[in-house]
PDB file of all heavy atoms in Angstrom:
ATOM      1  N   GLY A   1     -19.474 -15.304 -22.887  1.00  0.00           N
ATOM      2  CA  GLY A   1     -18.462 -14.399 -23.436  1.00  0.00           C
ATOM      3  C   GLY A   1     -19.059 -13.108 -23.957  1.00  0.00           C
ATOM      4  O   GLY A   1     -20.250 -12.826 -23.761  1.00  0.00           O
ATOM      5  N   PRO A   2     -18.270 -12.305 -24.657  1.00  0.00           N
ATOM      6  CA  PRO A   2     -18.705 -10.963 -25.051  1.00  0.00           C
ATOM      7  C   PRO A   2     -19.621 -10.908 -26.279  1.00  0.00           C
ATOM      8  O   PRO A   2     -19.916  -9.821 -26.761  1.00  0.00           O
ATOM      9  CB  PRO A   2     -17.368 -10.256 -25.345  1.00  0.00           C
ATOM     10  CG  PRO A   2     -16.434 -11.342 -25.752  1.00  0.00           C
ATOM     11  CD  PRO A   2     -16.845 -12.556 -24.976  1.00  0.00           C
ATOM     12  N   GLN A   3     -20.076 -12.035 -26.769  1.00  0.00           N
ATOM     13  CA  GLN A   3     -20.844 -12.037 -28.010  1.00  0.00           C
ATOM     14  C   GLN A   3     -22.280 -11.536 -27.845  1.00  0.00           C
ATOM     15  O   GLN A   3     -22.796 -10.831 -28.712  1.00  0.00           O
ATOM     16  CB  GLN A   3     -20.859 -13.456 -28.606  1.00  0.00           C
ATOM     17  CG  GLN A   3     -19.475 -13.988 -28.949  1.00  0.00           C
ATOM     18  CD  GLN A   3     -18.663 -13.005 -29.786  1.00  0.00           C
ATOM     19  OE1 GLN A   3     -19.156 -12.490 -30.782  1.00  0.00           O
ATOM     20  NE2 GLN A   3     -17.436 -12.747 -29.364  1.00  0.00           N
ATOM     21  N   SER A   4     -22.941 -11.883 -26.759  1.00  0.00           N
ATOM     22  CA  SER A   4     -24.338 -11.455 -26.588  1.00  0.00           C
ATOM     23  C   SER A   4     -24.650 -11.225 -25.105  1.00  0.00           C
ATOM     24  O   SER A   4     -25.434 -11.962 -24.497  1.00  0.00           O
ATOM     25  CB  SER A   4     -25.299 -12.499 -27.164  1.00  0.00           C
ATOM     26  OG  SER A   4     -25.034 -13.776 -26.601  1.00  0.00           O
ATOM     27  N   PRO A   5     -24.045 -10.216 -24.488  1.00  0.00           N
ATOM     28  CA  PRO A   5     -24.219  -9.969 -23.051  1.00  0.00           C
ATOM     29  C   PRO A   5     -25.624  -9.493 -22.700  1.00  0.00           C
ATOM     30  O   PRO A   5     -26.283  -8.827 -23.499  1.00  0.00           O
ATOM     31  CB  PRO A   5     -23.181  -8.885 -22.759  1.00  0.00           C
ATOM     32  CG  PRO A   5     -23.005  -8.180 -24.073  1.00  0.00           C
ATOM     33  CD  PRO A   5     -23.157  -9.230 -25.119  1.00  0.00           C
ATOM     34  N   LYS A   6     -26.062  -9.824 -21.482  1.00  0.00           N
ATOM     35  CA  LYS A   6     -27.396  -9.451 -21.012  1.00  0.00           C
ATOM     36  C   LYS A   6     -27.344  -8.469 -19.837  1.00  0.00           C
ATOM     37  O   LYS A   6     -28.178  -7.590 -19.719  1.00  0.00           O
ATOM     38  CB  LYS A   6     -28.159 -10.705 -20.570  1.00  0.00           C
ATOM     39  CG  LYS A   6     -28.382 -11.736 -21.675  1.00  0.00           C
ATOM     40  CD  LYS A   6     -29.432 -11.262 -22.663  1.00  0.00           C
ATOM     41  CE  LYS A   6     -29.842 -12.358 -23.632  1.00  0.00           C
ATOM     42  NZ  LYS A   6     -28.782 -12.707 -24.597  1.00  0.00           N
ATOM     43  N   ASN A   7     -26.379  -8.652 -18.959  1.00  0.00           N
ATOM     44  CA  ASN A   7     -26.239  -7.799 -17.781  1.00  0.00           C
ATOM     45  C   ASN A   7     -25.534  -6.489 -18.143  1.00  0.00           C
ATOM     46  O   ASN A   7     -24.724  -6.442 -19.072  1.00  0.00           O
ATOM     47  CB  ASN A   7     -25.435  -8.552 -16.705  1.00  0.00           C
ATOM     48  CG  ASN A   7     -25.157  -7.715 -15.490  1.00  0.00           C
ATOM     49  OD1 ASN A   7     -24.107  -7.080 -15.380  1.00  0.00           O
ATOM     50  ND2 ASN A   7     -26.072  -7.698 -14.541  1.00  0.00           N
ATOM     51  N   SER A   8     -25.825  -5.423 -17.405  1.00  0.00           N
ATOM     52  CA  SER A   8     -25.251  -4.105 -17.711  1.00  0.00           C
ATOM     53  C   SER A   8     -23.729  -4.128 -17.767  1.00  0.00           C
ATOM     54  O   SER A   8     -23.116  -3.625 -18.721  1.00  0.00           O
ATOM     55  CB  SER A   8     -25.709  -3.078 -16.672  1.00  0.00           C
ATOM     56  OG  SER A   8     -27.090  -2.824 -16.789  1.00  0.00           O
ATOM     57  N   MET A   9     -23.104  -4.716 -16.758  1.00  0.00           N
ATOM     58  CA  MET A   9     -21.644  -4.726 -16.734  1.00  0.00           C
ATOM     59  C   MET A   9     -21.072  -5.646 -17.811  1.00  0.00           C
ATOM     60  O   MET A   9     -19.992  -5.398 -18.344  1.00  0.00           O
ATOM     61  CB  MET A   9     -21.141  -5.136 -15.344  1.00  0.00           C
ATOM     62  CG  MET A   9     -21.370  -4.072 -14.269  1.00  0.00           C
ATOM     63  SD  MET A   9     -20.407  -2.550 -14.514  1.00  0.00           S
ATOM     64  CE  MET A   9     -21.618  -1.494 -15.317  1.00  0.00           C
ATOM     65  N   GLY A  10     -21.806  -6.696 -18.144  1.00  0.00           N
ATOM     66  CA  GLY A  10     -21.382  -7.558 -19.250  1.00  0.00           C
ATOM     67  C   GLY A  10     -21.391  -6.803 -20.570  1.00  0.00           C
ATOM     68  O   GLY A  10     -20.492  -6.956 -21.405  1.00  0.00           O
ATOM     69  N   LYS A  11     -22.411  -5.973 -20.768  1.00  0.00           N
ATOM     70  CA  LYS A  11     -22.494  -5.175 -21.993  1.00  0.00           C
ATOM     71  C   LYS A  11     -21.341  -4.180 -22.080  1.00  0.00           C
ATOM     72  O   LYS A  11     -20.720  -4.011 -23.134  1.00  0.00           O
ATOM     73  CB  LYS A  11     -23.830  -4.429 -22.039  1.00  0.00           C
ATOM     74  CG  LYS A  11     -25.044  -5.324 -22.155  1.00  0.00           C
ATOM     75  CD  LYS A  11     -26.320  -4.518 -21.996  1.00  0.00           C
ATOM     76  CE  LYS A  11     -27.544  -5.410 -21.955  1.00  0.00           C
ATOM     77  NZ  LYS A  11     -28.790  -4.640 -21.729  1.00  0.00           N
ATOM     78  N   VAL A  12     -21.056  -3.523 -20.968  1.00  0.00           N
ATOM     79  CA  VAL A  12     -19.962  -2.542 -20.961  1.00  0.00           C
ATOM     80  C   VAL A  12     -18.620  -3.237 -21.195  1.00  0.00           C
ATOM     81  O   VAL A  12     -17.771  -2.752 -21.958  1.00  0.00           O
ATOM     82  CB  VAL A  12     -19.941  -1.753 -19.633  1.00  0.00           C
ATOM     83  CG1 VAL A  12     -18.739  -0.811 -19.594  1.00  0.00           C
ATOM     84  CG2 VAL A  12     -21.240  -0.967 -19.454  1.00  0.00           C
ATOM     85  N   ALA A  13     -18.437  -4.389 -20.558  1.00  0.00           N
ATOM     86  CA  ALA A  13     -17.198  -5.145 -20.754  1.00  0.00           C
ATOM     87  C   ALA A  13     -17.063  -5.582 -22.213  1.00  0.00           C
ATOM     88  O   ALA A  13     -15.960  -5.554 -22.786  1.00  0.00           O
ATOM     89  CB  ALA A  13     -17.174  -6.360 -19.831  1.00  0.00           C
ATOM     90  N   ALA A  14     -18.174  -5.982 -22.825  1.00  0.00           N
ATOM     91  CA  ALA A  14     -18.144  -6.413 -24.232  1.00  0.00           C
ATOM     92  C   ALA A  14     -17.750  -5.260 -25.150  1.00  0.00           C
ATOM     93  O   ALA A  14     -16.974  -5.432 -26.096  1.00  0.00           O
ATOM     94  CB  ALA A  14     -19.496  -6.975 -24.635  1.00  0.00           C
ATOM     95  N   LEU A  15     -18.274  -4.071 -24.878  1.00  0.00           N
ATOM     96  CA  LEU A  15     -17.927  -2.903 -25.693  1.00  0.00           C
ATOM     97  C   LEU A  15     -16.490  -2.447 -25.428  1.00  0.00           C
ATOM     98  O   LEU A  15     -15.801  -1.978 -26.344  1.00  0.00           O
ATOM     99  CB  LEU A  15     -18.926  -1.767 -25.427  1.00  0.00           C
ATOM    100  CG  LEU A  15     -20.328  -2.038 -25.982  1.00  0.00           C
ATOM    101  CD1 LEU A  15     -21.336  -1.047 -25.419  1.00  0.00           C
ATOM    102  CD2 LEU A  15     -20.336  -1.995 -27.509  1.00  0.00           C
ATOM    103  N   ALA A  16     -16.029  -2.617 -24.186  1.00  0.00           N
ATOM    104  CA  ALA A  16     -14.617  -2.333 -23.886  1.00  0.00           C
ATOM    105  C   ALA A  16     -13.715  -3.284 -24.675  1.00  0.00           C
ATOM    106  O   ALA A  16     -12.626  -2.894 -25.137  1.00  0.00           O
ATOM    107  CB  ALA A  16     -14.362  -2.475 -22.385  1.00  0.00           C
ATOM    108  N   TYR A  17     -14.189  -4.513 -24.837  1.00  0.00           N
ATOM    109  CA  TYR A  17     -13.423  -5.494 -25.616  1.00  0.00           C
ATOM    110  C   TYR A  17     -13.384  -5.091 -27.093  1.00  0.00           C
ATOM    111  O   TYR A  17     -12.358  -5.268 -27.765  1.00  0.00           O
ATOM    112  CB  TYR A  17     -14.044  -6.877 -25.455  1.00  0.00           C
ATOM    113  CG  TYR A  17     -13.280  -7.993 -26.137  1.00  0.00           C
ATOM    114  CD1 TYR A  17     -11.964  -8.276 -25.775  1.00  0.00           C
ATOM    115  CD2 TYR A  17     -13.874  -8.765 -27.129  1.00  0.00           C
ATOM    116  CE1 TYR A  17     -11.252  -9.294 -26.398  1.00  0.00           C
ATOM    117  CE2 TYR A  17     -13.183  -9.792 -27.752  1.00  0.00           C
ATOM    118  CZ  TYR A  17     -11.871 -10.048 -27.388  1.00  0.00           C
ATOM    119  OH  TYR A  17     -11.158 -11.060 -28.000  1.00  0.00           O
ATOM    120  N   VAL A  18     -14.469  -4.522 -27.601  1.00  0.00           N
ATOM    121  CA  VAL A  18     -14.495  -4.010 -28.980  1.00  0.00           C
ATOM    122  C   VAL A  18     -13.414  -2.943 -29.144  1.00  0.00           C
ATOM    123  O   VAL A  18     -12.676  -2.935 -30.147  1.00  0.00           O
ATOM    124  CB  VAL A  18     -15.887  -3.423 -29.321  1.00  0.00           C
ATOM    125  CG1 VAL A  18     -15.842  -2.635 -30.631  1.00  0.00           C
ATOM    126  CG2 VAL A  18     -16.929  -4.533 -29.407  1.00  0.00           C
ATOM    127  N   ARG A  19     -13.304  -2.067 -28.146  1.00  0.00           N
ATOM    128  CA  ARG A  19     -12.283  -1.000 -28.226  1.00  0.00           C
ATOM    129  C   ARG A  19     -10.873  -1.595 -28.144  1.00  0.00           C
ATOM    130  O   ARG A  19      -9.959  -1.164 -28.846  1.00  0.00           O
ATOM    131  CB  ARG A  19     -12.498   0.032 -27.121  1.00  0.00           C
ATOM    132  CG  ARG A  19     -11.634   1.298 -27.300  1.00  0.00           C
ATOM    133  CD  ARG A  19     -12.164   2.456 -26.503  1.00  0.00           C
ATOM    134  NE  ARG A  19     -11.400   3.678 -26.744  1.00  0.00           N
ATOM    135  CZ  ARG A  19     -11.559   4.486 -27.777  1.00  0.00           C
ATOM    136  NH1 ARG A  19     -12.464   4.199 -28.694  1.00  0.00           N
ATOM    137  NH2 ARG A  19     -10.826   5.573 -27.911  1.00  0.00           N
ATOM    138  N   TYR A  20     -10.719  -2.572 -27.300  1.00  0.00           N
ATOM    139  CA  TYR A  20      -9.422  -3.261 -27.182  1.00  0.00           C
ATOM    140  C   TYR A  20      -9.035  -3.905 -28.512  1.00  0.00           C
ATOM    141  O   TYR A  20      -7.902  -3.753 -28.993  1.00  0.00           O
ATOM    142  CB  TYR A  20      -9.512  -4.322 -26.082  1.00  0.00           C
ATOM    143  CG  TYR A  20      -8.415  -5.358 -26.128  1.00  0.00           C
ATOM    144  CD1 TYR A  20      -7.143  -5.080 -25.635  1.00  0.00           C
ATOM    145  CD2 TYR A  20      -8.656  -6.627 -26.680  1.00  0.00           C
ATOM    146  CE1 TYR A  20      -6.130  -6.038 -25.694  1.00  0.00           C
ATOM    147  CE2 TYR A  20      -7.661  -7.588 -26.731  1.00  0.00           C
ATOM    148  CZ  TYR A  20      -6.400  -7.281 -26.239  1.00  0.00           C
ATOM    149  OH  TYR A  20      -5.404  -8.225 -26.301  1.00  0.00           O
ATOM    150  N   LYS A  21      -9.972  -4.597 -29.138  1.00  0.00           N
ATOM    151  CA  LYS A  21      -9.700  -5.303 -30.392  1.00  0.00           C
ATOM    152  C   LYS A  21      -9.414  -4.336 -31.545  1.00  0.00           C
ATOM    153  O   LYS A  21      -8.759  -4.703 -32.532  1.00  0.00           O
ATOM    154  CB  LYS A  21     -10.879  -6.202 -30.768  1.00  0.00           C
ATOM    155  CG  LYS A  21     -11.077  -7.401 -29.841  1.00  0.00           C
ATOM    156  CD  LYS A  21      -9.971  -8.432 -29.962  1.00  0.00           C
ATOM    157  CE  LYS A  21     -10.093  -9.257 -31.219  1.00  0.00           C
ATOM    158  NZ  LYS A  21      -9.060 -10.306 -31.304  1.00  0.00           N
ATOM    159  N   SER A  22      -9.879  -3.104 -31.422  1.00  0.00           N
ATOM    160  CA  SER A  22      -9.663  -2.132 -32.499  1.00  0.00           C
ATOM    161  C   SER A  22      -8.291  -1.452 -32.399  1.00  0.00           C
ATOM    162  O   SER A  22      -8.009  -0.524 -33.149  1.00  0.00           O
ATOM    163  CB  SER A  22     -10.767  -1.069 -32.484  1.00  0.00           C
ATOM    164  OG  SER A  22     -10.658  -0.226 -31.353  1.00  0.00           O
ATOM    165  N   GLY A  23      -7.458  -1.928 -31.443  1.00  0.00           N
ATOM    166  CA  GLY A  23      -6.103  -1.383 -31.337  1.00  0.00           C
ATOM    167  C   GLY A  23      -5.742  -0.856 -29.962  1.00  0.00           C
ATOM    168  O   GLY A  23      -4.954   0.089 -29.855  1.00  0.00           O
ATOM    169  N   ARG A  24      -6.322  -1.464 -28.913  1.00  0.00           N
ATOM    170  CA  ARG A  24      -5.995  -1.070 -27.530  1.00  0.00           C
ATOM    171  C   ARG A  24      -6.098   0.441 -27.340  1.00  0.00           C
ATOM    172  O   ARG A  24      -5.245   1.095 -26.759  1.00  0.00           O
ATOM    173  CB  ARG A  24      -4.592  -1.546 -27.114  1.00  0.00           C
ATOM    174  CG  ARG A  24      -4.412  -3.033 -27.049  1.00  0.00           C
ATOM    175  CD  ARG A  24      -3.003  -3.439 -26.607  1.00  0.00           C
ATOM    176  NE  ARG A  24      -2.968  -3.881 -25.216  1.00  0.00           N
ATOM    177  CZ  ARG A  24      -2.546  -3.150 -24.214  1.00  0.00           C
ATOM    178  NH1 ARG A  24      -2.167  -1.902 -24.413  1.00  0.00           N
ATOM    179  NH2 ARG A  24      -2.520  -3.640 -22.980  1.00  0.00           N
ATOM    180  N   LYS A  25      -7.160   1.020 -27.851  1.00  0.00           N
ATOM    181  CA  LYS A  25      -7.314   2.482 -27.817  1.00  0.00           C
ATOM    182  C   LYS A  25      -7.572   2.985 -26.391  1.00  0.00           C
ATOM    183  O   LYS A  25      -8.254   2.332 -25.603  1.00  0.00           O
ATOM    184  CB  LYS A  25      -8.455   2.908 -28.741  1.00  0.00           C
ATOM    185  CG  LYS A  25      -8.175   2.662 -30.222  1.00  0.00           C
ATOM    186  CD  LYS A  25      -9.291   3.238 -31.079  1.00  0.00           C
ATOM    187  CE  LYS A  25      -8.992   3.074 -32.562  1.00  0.00           C
ATOM    188  NZ  LYS A  25      -9.274   1.726 -33.041  1.00  0.00           N
ATOM    189  N   PRO A  26      -7.034   4.161 -26.075  1.00  0.00           N
ATOM    190  CA  PRO A  26      -7.214   4.726 -24.728  1.00  0.00           C
ATOM    191  C   PRO A  26      -8.637   5.233 -24.491  1.00  0.00           C
ATOM    192  O   PRO A  26      -9.335   5.611 -25.435  1.00  0.00           O
ATOM    193  CB  PRO A  26      -6.200   5.881 -24.700  1.00  0.00           C
ATOM    194  CG  PRO A  26      -6.038   6.281 -26.132  1.00  0.00           C
ATOM    195  CD  PRO A  26      -6.184   5.009 -26.931  1.00  0.00           C
ATOM    196  N   ILE A  27      -9.038   5.276 -23.229  1.00  0.00           N
ATOM    197  CA  ILE A  27     -10.404   5.679 -22.875  1.00  0.00           C
ATOM    198  C   ILE A  27     -10.489   5.911 -21.363  1.00  0.00           C
ATOM    199  O   ILE A  27      -9.720   5.333 -20.595  1.00  0.00           O
ATOM    200  CB  ILE A  27     -11.427   4.588 -23.294  1.00  0.00           C
ATOM    201  CG1 ILE A  27     -12.865   5.070 -23.152  1.00  0.00           C
ATOM    202  CG2 ILE A  27     -11.209   3.313 -22.512  1.00  0.00           C
ATOM    203  CD1 ILE A  27     -13.292   6.110 -24.138  1.00  0.00           C
ATOM    204  N   ALA A  28     -11.414   6.762 -20.945  1.00  0.00           N
ATOM    205  CA  ALA A  28     -11.736   6.938 -19.518  1.00  0.00           C
ATOM    206  C   ALA A  28     -13.183   6.513 -19.289  1.00  0.00           C
ATOM    207  O   ALA A  28     -14.091   6.980 -19.992  1.00  0.00           O
ATOM    208  CB  ALA A  28     -11.547   8.388 -19.101  1.00  0.00           C
ATOM    209  N   TYR A  29     -13.398   5.606 -18.336  1.00  0.00           N
ATOM    210  CA  TYR A  29     -14.735   5.189 -17.930  1.00  0.00           C
ATOM    211  C   TYR A  29     -15.030   5.876 -16.602  1.00  0.00           C
ATOM    212  O   TYR A  29     -14.369   5.593 -15.586  1.00  0.00           O
ATOM    213  CB  TYR A  29     -14.811   3.678 -17.769  1.00  0.00           C
ATOM    214  CG  TYR A  29     -14.602   2.916 -19.059  1.00  0.00           C
ATOM    215  CD1 TYR A  29     -13.369   2.333 -19.366  1.00  0.00           C
ATOM    216  CD2 TYR A  29     -15.629   2.781 -19.995  1.00  0.00           C
ATOM    217  CE1 TYR A  29     -13.165   1.636 -20.548  1.00  0.00           C
ATOM    218  CE2 TYR A  29     -15.439   2.096 -21.181  1.00  0.00           C
ATOM    219  CZ  TYR A  29     -14.205   1.530 -21.458  1.00  0.00           C
ATOM    220  OH  TYR A  29     -14.015   0.853 -22.637  1.00  0.00           O
ATOM    221  N   VAL A  30     -16.012   6.774 -16.602  1.00  0.00           N
ATOM    222  CA  VAL A  30     -16.219   7.655 -15.452  1.00  0.00           C
ATOM    223  C   VAL A  30     -17.602   7.438 -14.832  1.00  0.00           C
ATOM    224  O   VAL A  30     -18.616   7.850 -15.393  1.00  0.00           O
ATOM    225  CB  VAL A  30     -16.082   9.138 -15.871  1.00  0.00           C
ATOM    226  CG1 VAL A  30     -16.012  10.034 -14.622  1.00  0.00           C
ATOM    227  CG2 VAL A  30     -14.863   9.358 -16.757  1.00  0.00           C
ATOM    228  N   SER A  31     -17.641   6.805 -13.683  1.00  0.00           N
ATOM    229  CA  SER A  31     -18.908   6.663 -12.965  1.00  0.00           C
ATOM    230  C   SER A  31     -19.262   7.998 -12.320  1.00  0.00           C
ATOM    231  O   SER A  31     -18.455   8.586 -11.596  1.00  0.00           O
ATOM    232  CB  SER A  31     -18.817   5.592 -11.880  1.00  0.00           C
ATOM    233  OG  SER A  31     -19.973   5.633 -11.064  1.00  0.00           O
ATOM    234  N   LEU A  32     -20.475   8.461 -12.582  1.00  0.00           N
ATOM    235  CA  LEU A  32     -20.991   9.675 -11.945  1.00  0.00           C
ATOM    236  C   LEU A  32     -22.125   9.331 -10.992  1.00  0.00           C
ATOM    237  O   LEU A  32     -22.944  10.189 -10.659  1.00  0.00           O
ATOM    238  CB  LEU A  32     -21.482  10.660 -13.018  1.00  0.00           C
ATOM    239  CG  LEU A  32     -20.462  11.073 -14.080  1.00  0.00           C
ATOM    240  CD1 LEU A  32     -21.084  12.029 -15.086  1.00  0.00           C
ATOM    241  CD2 LEU A  32     -19.231  11.707 -13.447  1.00  0.00           C
ATOM    242  N   ASP A  33     -22.155   8.085 -10.553  1.00  0.00           N
ATOM    243  CA  ASP A  33     -23.212   7.674  -9.641  1.00  0.00           C
ATOM    244  C   ASP A  33     -22.904   8.088  -8.212  1.00  0.00           C
ATOM    245  O   ASP A  33     -21.743   8.239  -7.813  1.00  0.00           O
ATOM    246  CB  ASP A  33     -23.427   6.160  -9.731  1.00  0.00           C
ATOM    247  CG  ASP A  33     -24.363   5.796 -10.864  1.00  0.00           C
ATOM    248  OD1 ASP A  33     -25.522   6.235 -10.815  1.00  0.00           O
ATOM    249  OD2 ASP A  33     -23.931   5.120 -11.815  1.00  0.00           O
ATOM    250  N   ASN A  34     -23.971   8.249  -7.451  1.00  0.00           N
ATOM    251  CA  ASN A  34     -23.871   8.785  -6.098  1.00  0.00           C
ATOM    252  C   ASN A  34     -23.511   7.685  -5.103  1.00  0.00           C
ATOM    253  O   ASN A  34     -24.329   7.258  -4.296  1.00  0.00           O
ATOM    254  CB  ASN A  34     -25.205   9.436  -5.722  1.00  0.00           C
ATOM    255  CG  ASN A  34     -25.134  10.189  -4.416  1.00  0.00           C
ATOM    256  OD1 ASN A  34     -24.068  10.553  -3.958  1.00  0.00           O
ATOM    257  ND2 ASN A  34     -26.278  10.399  -3.809  1.00  0.00           N
ATOM    258  N   CYS A  35     -22.267   7.210  -5.184  1.00  0.00           N
ATOM    259  CA  CYS A  35     -21.782   6.207  -4.236  1.00  0.00           C
ATOM    260  C   CYS A  35     -20.281   6.392  -4.052  1.00  0.00           C
ATOM    261  O   CYS A  35     -19.582   6.869  -4.944  1.00  0.00           O
ATOM    262  CB  CYS A  35     -22.099   4.795  -4.706  1.00  0.00           C
ATOM    263  SG  CYS A  35     -21.567   4.383  -6.370  1.00  0.00           S
ATOM    264  N   SER A  36     -19.785   6.031  -2.879  1.00  0.00           N
ATOM    265  CA  SER A  36     -18.367   6.191  -2.564  1.00  0.00           C
ATOM    266  C   SER A  36     -17.504   5.287  -3.444  1.00  0.00           C
ATOM    267  O   SER A  36     -17.898   4.174  -3.777  1.00  0.00           O
ATOM    268  CB  SER A  36     -18.117   5.855  -1.088  1.00  0.00           C
ATOM    269  OG  SER A  36     -18.833   6.736  -0.251  1.00  0.00           O
ATOM    270  N   LYS A  37     -16.352   5.810  -3.825  1.00  0.00           N
ATOM    271  CA  LYS A  37     -15.373   5.056  -4.610  1.00  0.00           C
ATOM    272  C   LYS A  37     -16.026   4.458  -5.864  1.00  0.00           C
ATOM    273  O   LYS A  37     -15.798   3.304  -6.226  1.00  0.00           O
ATOM    274  CB  LYS A  37     -14.732   3.953  -3.758  1.00  0.00           C
ATOM    275  CG  LYS A  37     -14.027   4.488  -2.509  1.00  0.00           C
ATOM    276  CD  LYS A  37     -13.395   3.390  -1.684  1.00  0.00           C
ATOM    277  CE  LYS A  37     -12.708   3.970  -0.451  1.00  0.00           C
ATOM    278  NZ  LYS A  37     -12.074   2.936   0.382  1.00  0.00           N
ATOM    279  N   ASN A  38     -16.847   5.267  -6.523  1.00  0.00           N
ATOM    280  CA  ASN A  38     -17.627   4.759  -7.652  1.00  0.00           C
ATOM    281  C   ASN A  38     -16.751   4.248  -8.796  1.00  0.00           C
ATOM    282  O   ASN A  38     -17.085   3.261  -9.449  1.00  0.00           O
ATOM    283  CB  ASN A  38     -18.631   5.808  -8.145  1.00  0.00           C
ATOM    284  CG  ASN A  38     -18.021   7.190  -8.295  1.00  0.00           C
ATOM    285  OD1 ASN A  38     -16.808   7.342  -8.410  1.00  0.00           O
ATOM    286  ND2 ASN A  38     -18.863   8.205  -8.303  1.00  0.00           N
ATOM    287  N   GLY A  39     -15.630   4.917  -9.046  1.00  0.00           N
ATOM    288  CA  GLY A  39     -14.740   4.446 -10.100  1.00  0.00           C
ATOM    289  C   GLY A  39     -14.165   3.073  -9.806  1.00  0.00           C
ATOM    290  O   GLY A  39     -14.003   2.239 -10.709  1.00  0.00           O
ATOM    291  N   GLU A  40     -13.889   2.835  -8.533  1.00  0.00           N
ATOM    292  CA  GLU A  40     -13.363   1.535  -8.115  1.00  0.00           C
ATOM    293  C   GLU A  40     -14.410   0.445  -8.308  1.00  0.00           C
ATOM    294  O   GLU A  40     -14.096  -0.665  -8.756  1.00  0.00           O
ATOM    295  CB  GLU A  40     -12.940   1.617  -6.647  1.00  0.00           C
ATOM    296  CG  GLU A  40     -12.270   0.395  -6.103  1.00  0.00           C
ATOM    297  CD  GLU A  40     -11.822   0.593  -4.662  1.00  0.00           C
ATOM    298  OE1 GLU A  40     -10.822   1.312  -4.449  1.00  0.00           O
ATOM    299  OE2 GLU A  40     -12.494   0.063  -3.757  1.00  0.00           O
ATOM    300  N   LYS A  41     -15.667   0.758  -7.988  1.00  0.00           N
ATOM    301  CA  LYS A  41     -16.760  -0.209  -8.180  1.00  0.00           C
ATOM    302  C   LYS A  41     -16.912  -0.572  -9.653  1.00  0.00           C
ATOM    303  O   LYS A  41     -17.074  -1.740 -10.009  1.00  0.00           O
ATOM    304  CB  LYS A  41     -18.069   0.375  -7.648  1.00  0.00           C
ATOM    305  CG  LYS A  41     -18.194   0.405  -6.136  1.00  0.00           C
ATOM    306  CD  LYS A  41     -19.545   0.966  -5.721  1.00  0.00           C
ATOM    307  CE  LYS A  41     -19.818   0.770  -4.235  1.00  0.00           C
ATOM    308  NZ  LYS A  41     -18.910   1.526  -3.372  1.00  0.00           N
ATOM    309  N   LEU A  42     -16.878   0.448 -10.506  1.00  0.00           N
ATOM    310  CA  LEU A  42     -17.020   0.224 -11.943  1.00  0.00           C
ATOM    311  C   LEU A  42     -15.874  -0.627 -12.479  1.00  0.00           C
ATOM    312  O   LEU A  42     -16.094  -1.615 -13.196  1.00  0.00           O
ATOM    313  CB  LEU A  42     -17.072   1.570 -12.669  1.00  0.00           C
ATOM    314  CG  LEU A  42     -17.059   1.541 -14.199  1.00  0.00           C
ATOM    315  CD1 LEU A  42     -18.229   0.734 -14.741  1.00  0.00           C
ATOM    316  CD2 LEU A  42     -17.074   2.965 -14.751  1.00  0.00           C
ATOM    317  N   GLN A  43     -14.657  -0.266 -12.127  1.00  0.00           N
ATOM    318  CA  GLN A  43     -13.492  -1.016 -12.602  1.00  0.00           C
ATOM    319  C   GLN A  43     -13.522  -2.458 -12.116  1.00  0.00           C
ATOM    320  O   GLN A  43     -13.279  -3.397 -12.888  1.00  0.00           O
ATOM    321  CB  GLN A  43     -12.197  -0.349 -12.131  1.00  0.00           C
ATOM    322  CG  GLN A  43     -10.938  -1.078 -12.609  1.00  0.00           C
ATOM    323  CD  GLN A  43      -9.660  -0.374 -12.185  1.00  0.00           C
ATOM    324  OE1 GLN A  43      -9.659   0.444 -11.267  1.00  0.00           O
ATOM    325  NE2 GLN A  43      -8.554  -0.680 -12.848  1.00  0.00           N
ATOM    326  N   SER A  44     -13.847  -2.648 -10.843  1.00  0.00           N
ATOM    327  CA  SER A  44     -13.875  -3.985 -10.266  1.00  0.00           C
ATOM    328  C   SER A  44     -14.834  -4.897 -11.031  1.00  0.00           C
ATOM    329  O   SER A  44     -14.510  -6.054 -11.320  1.00  0.00           O
ATOM    330  CB  SER A  44     -14.272  -3.903  -8.792  1.00  0.00           C
ATOM    331  OG  SER A  44     -14.419  -5.185  -8.238  1.00  0.00           O
ATOM    332  N   SER A  45     -16.008  -4.364 -11.370  1.00  0.00           N
ATOM    333  CA  SER A  45     -17.022  -5.181 -12.055  1.00  0.00           C
ATOM    334  C   SER A  45     -16.594  -5.548 -13.464  1.00  0.00           C
ATOM    335  O   SER A  45     -16.705  -6.701 -13.891  1.00  0.00           O
ATOM    336  CB  SER A  45     -18.357  -4.431 -12.087  1.00  0.00           C
ATOM    337  OG  SER A  45     -18.860  -4.277 -10.781  1.00  0.00           O
TER     338      SER A  45
END
């Protein structure tokens, strides 16, 4: 679970959960990596 993540995407998901728990606050997660459909890859993970 989100208590002690080790993988990069696990860490990001855990911090997204912190934001969710603080009141479902809005946010944009923006991949700037050099790959096609990068936002879709980030969201999927």
